[in-house]
Amino acid sequence: MLHELKEVTFEDLKKIPCILISSKNQQDTEVEYYGNTLGFNGNFIFAENLDEARILVAANKGFLPIASTPTLINLPEGITRILLVRNGERVERNYYAFWNKMATDILKEEFADILKKEYR
């Protein structure tokens, strides 16, 4: 059973649907990212929000790839977090924030600091 494992690979997950949180107009982009960038070529199920995705996970309908952040520590009952690895290394997703250098202000700087703190 997956919930007993400490880590998994996409190969381990290829027969289990991947649950993605996405609006209808972003679904093709998400599928392309998971297929072309991460190398997952399985089936996908879409949820409109995190609560819906968690219900699908708890109902054993698939797995939910989600970034590990301090705000996601408290998981609902019935859901286990498992580390995703490729070639023995943790799979990571890079996030970038951009804005016009000439339009820098204190709020943008504070937002950048929050992002750095949350995702390091």
PDB file of N, CA and C in Angstrom:
ATOM      1  N   MET A   1       0.836  -1.189   0.000  1.00  0.00           N
ATOM      2  CA  MET A   1       0.000   0.000   0.000  1.00  0.00           C
ATOM      3  C   MET A   1       0.878   1.248   0.000  1.00  0.00           C
ATOM      4  N   LEU A   2       0.492   2.234  -0.784  1.00  0.00           N
ATOM      5  CA  LEU A   2       1.269   3.468  -0.902  1.00  0.00           C
ATOM      6  C   LEU A   2       1.447   4.183   0.430  1.00  0.00           C
ATOM      7  N   HIS A   3       0.404   4.243   1.234  1.00  0.00           N
ATOM      8  CA  HIS A   3       0.484   5.008   2.479  1.00  0.00           C
ATOM      9  C   HIS A   3       1.532   4.471   3.455  1.00  0.00           C
ATOM     10  N   GLU A   4       2.043   3.281   3.219  1.00  0.00           N
ATOM     11  CA  GLU A   4       3.072   2.704   4.083  1.00  0.00           C
ATOM     12  C   GLU A   4       4.486   3.058   3.632  1.00  0.00           C
ATOM     13  N   LEU A   5       4.628   3.657   2.436  1.00  0.00           N
ATOM     14  CA  LEU A   5       5.941   3.978   1.887  1.00  0.00           C
ATOM     15  C   LEU A   5       6.438   5.335   2.378  1.00  0.00           C
ATOM     16  N   LYS A   6       7.764   5.468   2.453  1.00  0.00           N
ATOM     17  CA  LYS A   6       8.366   6.749   2.827  1.00  0.00           C
ATOM     18  C   LYS A   6       8.633   7.611   1.593  1.00  0.00           C
ATOM     19  N   GLU A   7       8.803   6.980   0.433  1.00  0.00           N
ATOM     20  CA  GLU A   7       9.014   7.708  -0.808  1.00  0.00           C
ATOM     21  C   GLU A   7       8.489   6.895  -1.980  1.00  0.00           C
ATOM     22  N   VAL A   8       8.149   7.597  -3.073  1.00  0.00           N
ATOM     23  CA  VAL A   8       7.657   6.950  -4.283  1.00  0.00           C
ATOM     24  C   VAL A   8       8.289   7.626  -5.503  1.00  0.00           C
ATOM     25  N   THR A   9       8.220   6.927  -6.626  1.00  0.00           N
ATOM     26  CA  THR A   9       8.656   7.489  -7.904  1.00  0.00           C
ATOM     27  C   THR A   9       7.435   7.605  -8.810  1.00  0.00           C
ATOM     28  N   PHE A  10       7.577   8.323  -9.918  1.00  0.00           N
ATOM     29  CA  PHE A  10       6.478   8.378 -10.873  1.00  0.00           C
ATOM     30  C   PHE A  10       6.195   6.988 -11.424  1.00  0.00           C
ATOM     31  N   GLU A  11       7.210   6.156 -11.510  1.00  0.00           N
ATOM     32  CA  GLU A  11       7.010   4.771 -11.974  1.00  0.00           C
ATOM     33  C   GLU A  11       6.065   4.031 -11.020  1.00  0.00           C
ATOM     34  N   ASP A  12       6.235   4.254  -9.700  1.00  0.00           N
ATOM     35  CA  ASP A  12       5.351   3.637  -8.711  1.00  0.00           C
ATOM     36  C   ASP A  12       3.905   4.115  -8.872  1.00  0.00           C
ATOM     37  N   LEU A  13       3.757   5.323  -9.374  1.00  0.00           N
ATOM     38  CA  LEU A  13       2.436   5.959  -9.439  1.00  0.00           C
ATOM     39  C   LEU A  13       1.751   5.872 -10.798  1.00  0.00           C
ATOM     40  N   LYS A  14       2.417   5.283 -11.799  1.00  0.00           N
ATOM     41  CA  LYS A  14       1.902   5.363 -13.168  1.00  0.00           C
ATOM     42  C   LYS A  14       0.524   4.727 -13.374  1.00  0.00           C
ATOM     43  N   LYS A  15       0.114   3.811 -12.520  1.00  0.00           N
ATOM     44  CA  LYS A  15      -1.204   3.183 -12.674  1.00  0.00           C
ATOM     45  C   LYS A  15      -2.260   3.833 -11.785  1.00  0.00           C
ATOM     46  N   ILE A  16      -1.873   4.895 -11.093  1.00  0.00           N
ATOM     47  CA  ILE A  16      -2.785   5.601 -10.191  1.00  0.00           C
ATOM     48  C   ILE A  16      -3.049   6.987 -10.781  1.00  0.00           C
ATOM     49  N   PRO A  17      -4.300   7.420 -10.900  1.00  0.00           N
ATOM     50  CA  PRO A  17      -4.563   8.747 -11.451  1.00  0.00           C
ATOM     51  C   PRO A  17      -3.934   9.858 -10.605  1.00  0.00           C
ATOM     52  N   CYS A  18      -3.428  10.857 -11.302  1.00  0.00           N
ATOM     53  CA  CYS A  18      -2.852  12.039 -10.673  1.00  0.00           C
ATOM     54  C   CYS A  18      -3.949  13.091 -10.573  1.00  0.00           C
ATOM     55  N   ILE A  19      -4.203  13.586  -9.382  1.00  0.00           N
ATOM     56  CA  ILE A  19      -5.231  14.592  -9.155  1.00  0.00           C
ATOM     57  C   ILE A  19      -4.572  15.968  -9.223  1.00  0.00           C
ATOM     58  N   LEU A  20      -5.025  16.792 -10.147  1.00  0.00           N
ATOM     59  CA  LEU A  20      -4.481  18.135 -10.306  1.00  0.00           C
ATOM     60  C   LEU A  20      -5.545  19.172  -9.997  1.00  0.00           C
ATOM     61  N   ILE A  21      -5.136  20.220  -9.312  1.00  0.00           N
ATOM     62  CA  ILE A  21      -6.035  21.335  -9.030  1.00  0.00           C
ATOM     63  C   ILE A  21      -5.841  22.346 -10.149  1.00  0.00           C
ATOM     64  N   SER A  22      -6.900  22.561 -10.904  1.00  0.00           N
ATOM     65  CA  SER A  22      -6.764  23.430 -12.075  1.00  0.00           C
ATOM     66  C   SER A  22      -8.127  23.893 -12.562  1.00  0.00           C
ATOM     67  N   SER A  23      -8.157  25.112 -13.063  1.00  0.00           N
ATOM     68  CA  SER A  23      -9.366  25.577 -13.743  1.00  0.00           C
ATOM     69  C   SER A  23      -9.438  24.867 -15.098  1.00  0.00           C
ATOM     70  N   LYS A  24     -10.594  24.854 -15.686  1.00  0.00           N
ATOM     71  CA  LYS A  24     -10.777  24.154 -16.964  1.00  0.00           C
ATOM     72  C   LYS A  24      -9.847  24.683 -18.055  1.00  0.00           C
ATOM     73  N   ASN A  25      -9.617  25.999 -18.087  1.00  0.00           N
ATOM     74  CA  ASN A  25      -8.774  26.560 -19.144  1.00  0.00           C
ATOM     75  C   ASN A  25      -7.281  26.331 -18.922  1.00  0.00           C
ATOM     76  N   GLN A  26      -6.870  25.817 -17.765  1.00  0.00           N
ATOM     77  CA  GLN A  26      -5.456  25.546 -17.493  1.00  0.00           C
ATOM     78  C   GLN A  26      -5.129  24.056 -17.517  1.00  0.00           C
ATOM     79  N   GLN A  27      -6.117  23.201 -17.716  1.00  0.00           N
ATOM     80  CA  GLN A  27      -5.897  21.760 -17.619  1.00  0.00           C
ATOM     81  C   GLN A  27      -4.871  21.248 -18.625  1.00  0.00           C
ATOM     82  N   ASP A  28      -4.936  21.682 -19.863  1.00  0.00           N
ATOM     83  CA  ASP A  28      -3.962  21.226 -20.858  1.00  0.00           C
ATOM     84  C   ASP A  28      -2.549  21.642 -20.489  1.00  0.00           C
ATOM     85  N   THR A  29      -2.388  22.848 -19.953  1.00  0.00           N
ATOM     86  CA  THR A  29      -1.075  23.337 -19.521  1.00  0.00           C
ATOM     87  C   THR A  29      -0.529  22.473 -18.391  1.00  0.00           C
ATOM     88  N   GLU A  30      -1.379  22.116 -17.440  1.00  0.00           N
ATOM     89  CA  GLU A  30      -0.954  21.275 -16.315  1.00  0.00           C
ATOM     90  C   GLU A  30      -0.540  19.886 -16.786  1.00  0.00           C
ATOM     91  N   VAL A  31      -1.325  19.290 -17.667  1.00  0.00           N
ATOM     92  CA  VAL A  31      -1.001  17.964 -18.201  1.00  0.00           C
ATOM     93  C   VAL A  31       0.334  18.022 -18.940  1.00  0.00           C
ATOM     94  N   GLU A  32       0.530  19.072 -19.728  1.00  0.00           N
ATOM     95  CA  GLU A  32       1.789  19.231 -20.456  1.00  0.00           C
ATOM     96  C   GLU A  32       2.968  19.365 -19.493  1.00  0.00           C
ATOM     97  N   TYR A  33       2.799  20.140 -18.434  1.00  0.00           N
ATOM     98  CA  TYR A  33       3.876  20.309 -17.449  1.00  0.00           C
ATOM     99  C   TYR A  33       4.226  18.972 -16.791  1.00  0.00           C
ATOM    100  N   TYR A  34       3.225  18.248 -16.311  1.00  0.00           N
ATOM    101  CA  TYR A  34       3.502  16.985 -15.627  1.00  0.00           C
ATOM    102  C   TYR A  34       4.061  15.935 -16.577  1.00  0.00           C
ATOM    103  N   GLY A  35       3.649  15.973 -17.825  1.00  0.00           N
ATOM    104  CA  GLY A  35       4.169  15.016 -18.801  1.00  0.00           C
ATOM    105  C   GLY A  35       5.544  15.388 -19.314  1.00  0.00           C
ATOM    106  N   ASN A  36       5.697  16.610 -19.818  1.00  0.00           N
ATOM    107  CA  ASN A  36       6.947  17.017 -20.463  1.00  0.00           C
ATOM    108  C   ASN A  36       8.046  17.428 -19.493  1.00  0.00           C
ATOM    109  N   THR A  37       7.697  18.112 -18.414  1.00  0.00           N
ATOM    110  CA  THR A  37       8.705  18.602 -17.479  1.00  0.00           C
ATOM    111  C   THR A  37       9.036  17.587 -16.397  1.00  0.00           C
ATOM    112  N   LEU A  38       7.999  16.999 -15.809  1.00  0.00           N
ATOM    113  CA  LEU A  38       8.240  16.049 -14.713  1.00  0.00           C
ATOM    114  C   LEU A  38       8.343  14.603 -15.180  1.00  0.00           C
ATOM    115  N   GLY A  39       7.813  14.294 -16.353  1.00  0.00           N
ATOM    116  CA  GLY A  39       7.921  12.939 -16.870  1.00  0.00           C
ATOM    117  C   GLY A  39       6.835  11.992 -16.404  1.00  0.00           C
ATOM    118  N   PHE A  40       5.719  12.518 -15.897  1.00  0.00           N
ATOM    119  CA  PHE A  40       4.602  11.660 -15.494  1.00  0.00           C
ATOM    120  C   PHE A  40       3.647  11.541 -16.666  1.00  0.00           C
ATOM    121  N   ASN A  41       3.464  10.332 -17.155  1.00  0.00           N
ATOM    122  CA  ASN A  41       2.607  10.107 -18.319  1.00  0.00           C
ATOM    123  C   ASN A  41       1.451   9.183 -17.997  1.00  0.00           C
ATOM    124  N   GLY A  42       0.813   9.425 -16.873  1.00  0.00           N
ATOM    125  CA  GLY A  42      -0.322   8.610 -16.477  1.00  0.00           C
ATOM    126  C   GLY A  42      -1.634   9.323 -16.738  1.00  0.00           C
ATOM    127  N   ASN A  43      -2.659   8.917 -16.033  1.00  0.00           N
ATOM    128  CA  ASN A  43      -3.991   9.513 -16.157  1.00  0.00           C
ATOM    129  C   ASN A  43      -4.141  10.655 -15.170  1.00  0.00           C
ATOM    130  N   PHE A  44      -5.014  11.611 -15.519  1.00  0.00           N
ATOM    131  CA  PHE A  44      -5.238  12.770 -14.670  1.00  0.00           C
ATOM    132  C   PHE A  44      -6.709  12.922 -14.336  1.00  0.00           C
ATOM    133  N   ILE A  45      -6.959  13.388 -13.120  1.00  0.00           N
ATOM    134  CA  ILE A  45      -8.284  13.773 -12.658  1.00  0.00           C
ATOM    135  C   ILE A  45      -8.137  15.222 -12.194  1.00  0.00           C
ATOM    136  N   PHE A  46      -9.113  16.055 -12.489  1.00  0.00           N
ATOM    137  CA  PHE A  46      -9.016  17.462 -12.117  1.00  0.00           C
ATOM    138  C   PHE A  46      -9.986  17.811 -11.004  1.00  0.00           C
ATOM    139  N   ALA A  47      -9.506  18.664 -10.102  1.00  0.00           N
ATOM    140  CA  ALA A  47     -10.320  19.194  -9.013  1.00  0.00           C
ATOM    141  C   ALA A  47     -10.294  20.714  -9.121  1.00  0.00           C
ATOM    142  N   GLU A  48     -11.372  21.345  -8.692  1.00  0.00           N
ATOM    143  CA  GLU A  48     -11.460  22.808  -8.746  1.00  0.00           C
ATOM    144  C   GLU A  48     -10.688  23.483  -7.619  1.00  0.00           C
ATOM    145  N   ASN A  49     -10.513  22.784  -6.484  1.00  0.00           N
ATOM    146  CA  ASN A  49      -9.840  23.399  -5.334  1.00  0.00           C
ATOM    147  C   ASN A  49      -9.215  22.315  -4.454  1.00  0.00           C
ATOM    148  N   LEU A  50      -8.456  22.733  -3.452  1.00  0.00           N
ATOM    149  CA  LEU A  50      -7.746  21.799  -2.579  1.00  0.00           C
ATOM    150  C   LEU A  50      -8.703  20.901  -1.805  1.00  0.00           C
ATOM    151  N   ASP A  51      -9.805  21.435  -1.321  1.00  0.00           N
ATOM    152  CA  ASP A  51     -10.754  20.606  -0.574  1.00  0.00           C
ATOM    153  C   ASP A  51     -11.302  19.473  -1.437  1.00  0.00           C
ATOM    154  N   GLU A  52     -11.679  19.788  -2.670  1.00  0.00           N
ATOM    155  CA  GLU A  52     -12.182  18.762  -3.584  1.00  0.00           C
ATOM    156  C   GLU A  52     -11.102  17.723  -3.868  1.00  0.00           C
ATOM    157  N   ALA A  53      -9.870  18.178  -4.059  1.00  0.00           N
ATOM    158  CA  ALA A  53      -8.757  17.255  -4.323  1.00  0.00           C
ATOM    159  C   ALA A  53      -8.520  16.332  -3.124  1.00  0.00           C
ATOM    160  N   ARG A  54      -8.578  16.876  -1.928  1.00  0.00           N
ATOM    161  CA  ARG A  54      -8.384  16.055  -0.726  1.00  0.00           C
ATOM    162  C   ARG A  54      -9.486  15.014  -0.562  1.00  0.00           C
ATOM    163  N   ILE A  55     -10.703  15.365  -0.934  1.00  0.00           N
ATOM    164  CA  ILE A  55     -11.804  14.394  -0.886  1.00  0.00           C
ATOM    165  C   ILE A  55     -11.526  13.248  -1.849  1.00  0.00           C
ATOM    166  N   LEU A  56     -11.041  13.573  -3.043  1.00  0.00           N
ATOM    167  CA  LEU A  56     -10.698  12.529  -4.014  1.00  0.00           C
ATOM    168  C   LEU A  56      -9.586  11.630  -3.493  1.00  0.00           C
ATOM    169  N   VAL A  57      -8.596  12.216  -2.828  1.00  0.00           N
ATOM    170  CA  VAL A  57      -7.506  11.420  -2.250  1.00  0.00           C
ATOM    171  C   VAL A  57      -8.049  10.518  -1.147  1.00  0.00           C
ATOM    172  N   ALA A  58      -8.834  11.084  -0.244  1.00  0.00           N
ATOM    173  CA  ALA A  58      -9.392  10.304   0.865  1.00  0.00           C
ATOM    174  C   ALA A  58     -10.296   9.184   0.364  1.00  0.00           C
ATOM    175  N   ALA A  59     -10.930   9.384  -0.787  1.00  0.00           N
ATOM    176  CA  ALA A  59     -11.792   8.357  -1.389  1.00  0.00           C
ATOM    177  C   ALA A  59     -10.987   7.364  -2.219  1.00  0.00           C
ATOM    178  N   ASN A  60      -9.665   7.493  -2.171  1.00  0.00           N
ATOM    179  CA  ASN A  60      -8.746   6.585  -2.873  1.00  0.00           C
ATOM    180  C   ASN A  60      -8.937   6.628  -4.393  1.00  0.00           C
ATOM    181  N   LYS A  61      -9.167   7.841  -4.924  1.00  0.00           N
ATOM    182  CA  LYS A  61      -9.364   8.015  -6.361  1.00  0.00           C
ATOM    183  C   LYS A  61      -8.066   8.349  -7.092  1.00  0.00           C
ATOM    184  N   GLY A  62      -7.000   8.661  -6.352  1.00  0.00           N
ATOM    185  CA  GLY A  62      -5.732   9.007  -6.975  1.00  0.00           C
ATOM    186  C   GLY A  62      -4.789   9.642  -5.975  1.00  0.00           C
ATOM    187  N   PHE A  63      -3.673  10.153  -6.501  1.00  0.00           N
ATOM    188  CA  PHE A  63      -2.707  10.844  -5.643  1.00  0.00           C
ATOM    189  C   PHE A  63      -2.673  12.318  -6.011  1.00  0.00           C
ATOM    190  N   LEU A  64      -2.297  13.143  -5.052  1.00  0.00           N
ATOM    191  CA  LEU A  64      -2.258  14.584  -5.235  1.00  0.00           C
ATOM    192  C   LEU A  64      -0.831  15.080  -5.040  1.00  0.00           C
ATOM    193  N   PRO A  65      -0.159  15.505  -6.121  1.00  0.00           N
ATOM    194  CA  PRO A  65       1.182  16.067  -5.946  1.00  0.00           C
ATOM    195  C   PRO A  65       1.046  17.485  -5.402  1.00  0.00           C
ATOM    196  N   ILE A  66       1.705  17.757  -4.299  1.00  0.00           N
ATOM    197  CA  ILE A  66       1.569  19.077  -3.698  1.00  0.00           C
ATOM    198  C   ILE A  66       2.889  19.499  -3.095  1.00  0.00           C
ATOM    199  N   ALA A  67       3.204  20.766  -3.230  1.00  0.00           N
ATOM    200  CA  ALA A  67       4.453  21.295  -2.684  1.00  0.00           C
ATOM    201  C   ALA A  67       4.415  21.232  -1.165  1.00  0.00           C
ATOM    202  N   SER A  68       5.549  21.004  -0.589  1.00  0.00           N
ATOM    203  CA  SER A  68       5.650  20.952   0.860  1.00  0.00           C
ATOM    204  C   SER A  68       5.954  22.341   1.389  1.00  0.00           C
ATOM    205  N   THR A  69       4.998  22.905   2.110  1.00  0.00           N
ATOM    206  CA  THR A  69       5.196  24.200   2.740  1.00  0.00           C
ATOM    207  C   THR A  69       4.707  24.126   4.173  1.00  0.00           C
ATOM    208  N   PRO A  70       5.175  25.032   5.028  1.00  0.00           N
ATOM    209  CA  PRO A  70       4.731  25.007   6.433  1.00  0.00           C
ATOM    210  C   PRO A  70       3.225  25.123   6.601  1.00  0.00           C
ATOM    211  N   THR A  71       2.532  25.744   5.657  1.00  0.00           N
ATOM    212  CA  THR A  71       1.086  25.924   5.793  1.00  0.00           C
ATOM    213  C   THR A  71       0.310  24.643   5.525  1.00  0.00           C
ATOM    214  N   LEU A  72       0.981  23.587   5.054  1.00  0.00           N
ATOM    215  CA  LEU A  72       0.299  22.338   4.730  1.00  0.00           C
ATOM    216  C   LEU A  72       0.644  21.216   5.702  1.00  0.00           C
ATOM    217  N   ILE A  73       1.051  21.567   6.908  1.00  0.00           N
ATOM    218  CA  ILE A  73       1.467  20.563   7.882  1.00  0.00           C
ATOM    219  C   ILE A  73       0.284  19.731   8.373  1.00  0.00           C
ATOM    220  N   ASN A  74      -0.844  20.350   8.665  1.00  0.00           N
ATOM    221  CA  ASN A  74      -2.002  19.638   9.204  1.00  0.00           C
ATOM    222  C   ASN A  74      -2.806  19.005   8.075  1.00  0.00           C
ATOM    223  N   LEU A  75      -2.634  17.713   7.909  1.00  0.00           N
ATOM    224  CA  LEU A  75      -3.362  16.988   6.869  1.00  0.00           C
ATOM    225  C   LEU A  75      -4.630  16.386   7.445  1.00  0.00           C
ATOM    226  N   PRO A  76      -5.680  16.338   6.650  1.00  0.00           N
ATOM    227  CA  PRO A  76      -6.906  15.692   7.109  1.00  0.00           C
ATOM    228  C   PRO A  76      -6.676  14.199   7.352  1.00  0.00           C
ATOM    229  N   GLU A  77      -7.487  13.622   8.189  1.00  0.00           N
ATOM    230  CA  GLU A  77      -7.404  12.190   8.470  1.00  0.00           C
ATOM    231  C   GLU A  77      -7.619  11.405   7.184  1.00  0.00           C
ATOM    232  N   GLY A  78      -6.841  10.357   7.003  1.00  0.00           N
ATOM    233  CA  GLY A  78      -6.969   9.523   5.815  1.00  0.00           C
ATOM    234  C   GLY A  78      -6.029   9.914   4.695  1.00  0.00           C
ATOM    235  N   ILE A  79      -5.258  10.988   4.899  1.00  0.00           N
ATOM    236  CA  ILE A  79      -4.315  11.438   3.877  1.00  0.00           C
ATOM    237  C   ILE A  79      -2.899  11.391   4.459  1.00  0.00           C
ATOM    238  N   THR A  80      -1.991  10.795   3.691  1.00  0.00           N
ATOM    239  CA  THR A  80      -0.591  10.669   4.099  1.00  0.00           C
ATOM    240  C   THR A  80       0.287  11.375   3.086  1.00  0.00           C
ATOM    241  N   ARG A  81       1.309  12.057   3.558  1.00  0.00           N
ATOM    242  CA  ARG A  81       2.259  12.720   2.665  1.00  0.00           C
ATOM    243  C   ARG A  81       3.439  11.780   2.431  1.00  0.00           C
ATOM    244  N   ILE A  82       3.809  11.592   1.142  1.00  0.00           N
ATOM    245  CA  ILE A  82       4.914  10.704   0.762  1.00  0.00           C
ATOM    246  C   ILE A  82       5.848  11.487  -0.146  1.00  0.00           C
ATOM    247  N   LEU A  83       7.134  11.389   0.076  1.00  0.00           N
ATOM    248  CA  LEU A  83       8.129  12.090  -0.721  1.00  0.00           C
ATOM    249  C   LEU A  83       8.219  11.501  -2.121  1.00  0.00           C
ATOM    250  N   LEU A  84       8.184  12.366  -3.140  1.00  0.00           N
ATOM    251  CA  LEU A  84       8.315  11.957  -4.532  1.00  0.00           C
ATOM    252  C   LEU A  84       9.775  12.110  -4.945  1.00  0.00           C
ATOM    253  N   VAL A  85      10.369  11.030  -5.465  1.00  0.00           N
ATOM    254  CA  VAL A  85      11.786  11.057  -5.840  1.00  0.00           C
ATOM    255  C   VAL A  85      11.973  10.603  -7.287  1.00  0.00           C
ATOM    256  N   ARG A  86      13.075  11.067  -7.879  1.00  0.00           N
ATOM    257  CA  ARG A  86      13.518  10.626  -9.201  1.00  0.00           C
ATOM    258  C   ARG A  86      15.015  10.406  -9.090  1.00  0.00           C
ATOM    259  N   ASN A  87      15.471   9.207  -9.480  1.00  0.00           N
ATOM    260  CA  ASN A  87      16.893   8.847  -9.387  1.00  0.00           C
ATOM    261  C   ASN A  87      17.434   9.071  -7.972  1.00  0.00           C
ATOM    262  N   GLY A  88      16.610   8.766  -6.984  1.00  0.00           N
ATOM    263  CA  GLY A  88      17.019   8.885  -5.586  1.00  0.00           C
ATOM    264  C   GLY A  88      17.006  10.301  -5.030  1.00  0.00           C
ATOM    265  N   GLU A  89      16.641  11.282  -5.846  1.00  0.00           N
ATOM    266  CA  GLU A  89      16.616  12.681  -5.422  1.00  0.00           C
ATOM    267  C   GLU A  89      15.177  13.184  -5.344  1.00  0.00           C
ATOM    268  N   ARG A  90      14.911  14.028  -4.379  1.00  0.00           N
ATOM    269  CA  ARG A  90      13.599  14.643  -4.205  1.00  0.00           C
ATOM    270  C   ARG A  90      13.220  15.426  -5.465  1.00  0.00           C
ATOM    271  N   VAL A  91      11.985  15.259  -5.946  1.00  0.00           N
ATOM    272  CA  VAL A  91      11.497  16.023  -7.093  1.00  0.00           C
ATOM    273  C   VAL A  91      11.096  17.408  -6.585  1.00  0.00           C
ATOM    274  N   GLU A  92      11.652  18.423  -7.217  1.00  0.00           N
ATOM    275  CA  GLU A  92      11.362  19.791  -6.806  1.00  0.00           C
ATOM    276  C   GLU A  92      10.789  20.574  -7.974  1.00  0.00           C
ATOM    277  N   ARG A  93       9.984  21.547  -7.649  1.00  0.00           N
ATOM    278  CA  ARG A  93       9.378  22.418  -8.647  1.00  0.00           C
ATOM    279  C   ARG A  93       9.856  23.836  -8.366  1.00  0.00           C
ATOM    280  N   ASN A  94      10.367  24.494  -9.384  1.00  0.00           N
ATOM    281  CA  ASN A  94      10.849  25.861  -9.221  1.00  0.00           C
ATOM    282  C   ASN A  94       9.722  26.856  -9.443  1.00  0.00           C
ATOM    283  N   TYR A  95       9.670  27.863  -8.603  1.00  0.00           N
ATOM    284  CA  TYR A  95       8.710  28.943  -8.735  1.00  0.00           C
ATOM    285  C   TYR A  95       9.484  30.238  -8.925  1.00  0.00           C
ATOM    286  N   TYR A  96       8.950  31.121  -9.746  1.00  0.00           N
ATOM    287  CA  TYR A  96       9.606  32.389 -10.032  1.00  0.00           C
ATOM    288  C   TYR A  96       8.601  33.525  -9.883  1.00  0.00           C
ATOM    289  N   ALA A  97       9.076  34.651  -9.384  1.00  0.00           N
ATOM    290  CA  ALA A  97       8.251  35.858  -9.293  1.00  0.00           C
ATOM    291  C   ALA A  97       8.984  36.957 -10.052  1.00  0.00           C
ATOM    292  N   PHE A  98       8.273  37.641 -10.927  1.00  0.00           N
ATOM    293  CA  PHE A  98       8.862  38.698 -11.748  1.00  0.00           C
ATOM    294  C   PHE A  98       8.044  39.972 -11.631  1.00  0.00           C
ATOM    295  N   TRP A  99       8.727  41.089 -11.681  1.00  0.00           N
ATOM    296  CA  TRP A  99       8.069  42.368 -11.833  1.00  0.00           C
ATOM    297  C   TRP A  99       9.063  43.353 -12.419  1.00  0.00           C
ATOM    298  N   ASN A 100       8.540  44.410 -12.966  1.00  0.00           N
ATOM    299  CA  ASN A 100       9.356  45.419 -13.608  1.00  0.00           C
ATOM    300  C   ASN A 100      10.272  46.074 -12.573  1.00  0.00           C
ATOM    301  N   LYS A 101      11.551  46.072 -12.840  1.00  0.00           N
ATOM    302  CA  LYS A 101      12.531  46.642 -11.917  1.00  0.00           C
ATOM    303  C   LYS A 101      12.231  48.117 -11.633  1.00  0.00           C
ATOM    304  N   MET A 102      11.713  48.817 -12.615  1.00  0.00           N
ATOM    305  CA  MET A 102      11.402  50.243 -12.456  1.00  0.00           C
ATOM    306  C   MET A 102      10.141  50.457 -11.598  1.00  0.00           C
ATOM    307  N   ALA A 103       9.353  49.399 -11.405  1.00  0.00           N
ATOM    308  CA  ALA A 103       8.104  49.523 -10.648  1.00  0.00           C
ATOM    309  C   ALA A 103       8.215  48.912  -9.255  1.00  0.00           C
ATOM    310  N   THR A 104       9.422  48.811  -8.737  1.00  0.00           N
ATOM    311  CA  THR A 104       9.628  48.225  -7.415  1.00  0.00           C
ATOM    312  C   THR A 104       9.110  49.166  -6.332  1.00  0.00           C
ATOM    313  N   ASP A 105       8.405  48.573  -5.366  1.00  0.00           N
ATOM    314  CA  ASP A 105       7.958  49.338  -4.209  1.00  0.00           C
ATOM    315  C   ASP A 105       8.027  48.439  -2.980  1.00  0.00           C
ATOM    316  N   ILE A 106       7.731  48.974  -1.832  1.00  0.00           N
ATOM    317  CA  ILE A 106       7.880  48.248  -0.563  1.00  0.00           C
ATOM    318  C   ILE A 106       6.975  47.022  -0.512  1.00  0.00           C
ATOM    319  N   LEU A 107       5.769  47.083  -1.069  1.00  0.00           N
ATOM    320  CA  LEU A 107       4.866  45.931  -1.034  1.00  0.00           C
ATOM    321  C   LEU A 107       5.410  44.765  -1.860  1.00  0.00           C
ATOM    322  N   LYS A 108       5.974  45.051  -3.012  1.00  0.00           N
ATOM    323  CA  LYS A 108       6.560  43.992  -3.840  1.00  0.00           C
ATOM    324  C   LYS A 108       7.762  43.376  -3.145  1.00  0.00           C
ATOM    325  N   GLU A 109       8.566  44.200  -2.492  1.00  0.00           N
ATOM    326  CA  GLU A 109       9.724  43.691  -1.765  1.00  0.00           C
ATOM    327  C   GLU A 109       9.285  42.797  -0.601  1.00  0.00           C
ATOM    328  N   GLU A 110       8.259  43.202   0.124  1.00  0.00           N
ATOM    329  CA  GLU A 110       7.739  42.394   1.234  1.00  0.00           C
ATOM    330  C   GLU A 110       7.153  41.080   0.717  1.00  0.00           C
ATOM    331  N   PHE A 111       6.434  41.138  -0.398  1.00  0.00           N
ATOM    332  CA  PHE A 111       5.883  39.932  -1.003  1.00  0.00           C
ATOM    333  C   PHE A 111       7.004  38.979  -1.397  1.00  0.00           C
ATOM    334  N   ALA A 112       8.063  39.483  -1.997  1.00  0.00           N
ATOM    335  CA  ALA A 112       9.210  38.654  -2.380  1.00  0.00           C
ATOM    336  C   ALA A 112       9.840  38.011  -1.148  1.00  0.00           C
ATOM    337  N   ASP A 113       9.941  38.741  -0.056  1.00  0.00           N
ATOM    338  CA  ASP A 113      10.502  38.188   1.186  1.00  0.00           C
ATOM    339  C   ASP A 113       9.634  37.051   1.725  1.00  0.00           C
ATOM    340  N   ILE A 114       8.317  37.220   1.653  1.00  0.00           N
ATOM    341  CA  ILE A 114       7.395  36.170   2.105  1.00  0.00           C
ATOM    342  C   ILE A 114       7.569  34.920   1.248  1.00  0.00           C
ATOM    343  N   LEU A 115       7.636  35.099  -0.069  1.00  0.00           N
ATOM    344  CA  LEU A 115       7.834  33.947  -0.956  1.00  0.00           C
ATOM    345  C   LEU A 115       9.141  33.224  -0.639  1.00  0.00           C
ATOM    346  N   LYS A 116      10.206  33.961  -0.467  1.00  0.00           N
ATOM    347  CA  LYS A 116      11.506  33.350  -0.143  1.00  0.00           C
ATOM    348  C   LYS A 116      11.420  32.539   1.141  1.00  0.00           C
ATOM    349  N   LYS A 117      10.778  33.110   2.151  1.00  0.00           N
ATOM    350  CA  LYS A 117      10.677  32.422   3.448  1.00  0.00           C
ATOM    351  C   LYS A 117       9.826  31.162   3.354  1.00  0.00           C
ATOM    352  N   GLU A 118       8.710  31.221   2.640  1.00  0.00           N
ATOM    353  CA  GLU A 118       7.794  30.076   2.541  1.00  0.00           C
ATOM    354  C   GLU A 118       8.352  28.934   1.709  1.00  0.00           C
ATOM    355  N   TYR A 119       9.125  29.252   0.672  1.00  0.00           N
ATOM    356  CA  TYR A 119       9.530  28.211  -0.277  1.00  0.00           C
ATOM    357  C   TYR A 119      11.007  27.857  -0.224  1.00  0.00           C
ATOM    358  N   ARG A 120      11.683  28.181   0.825  1.00  0.00           N
ATOM    359  CA  ARG A 120      13.089  27.746   0.956  1.00  0.00           C
ATOM    360  C   ARG A 120      13.173  26.524   1.804  1.00  0.00           C
TER     361      ARG A 120
END
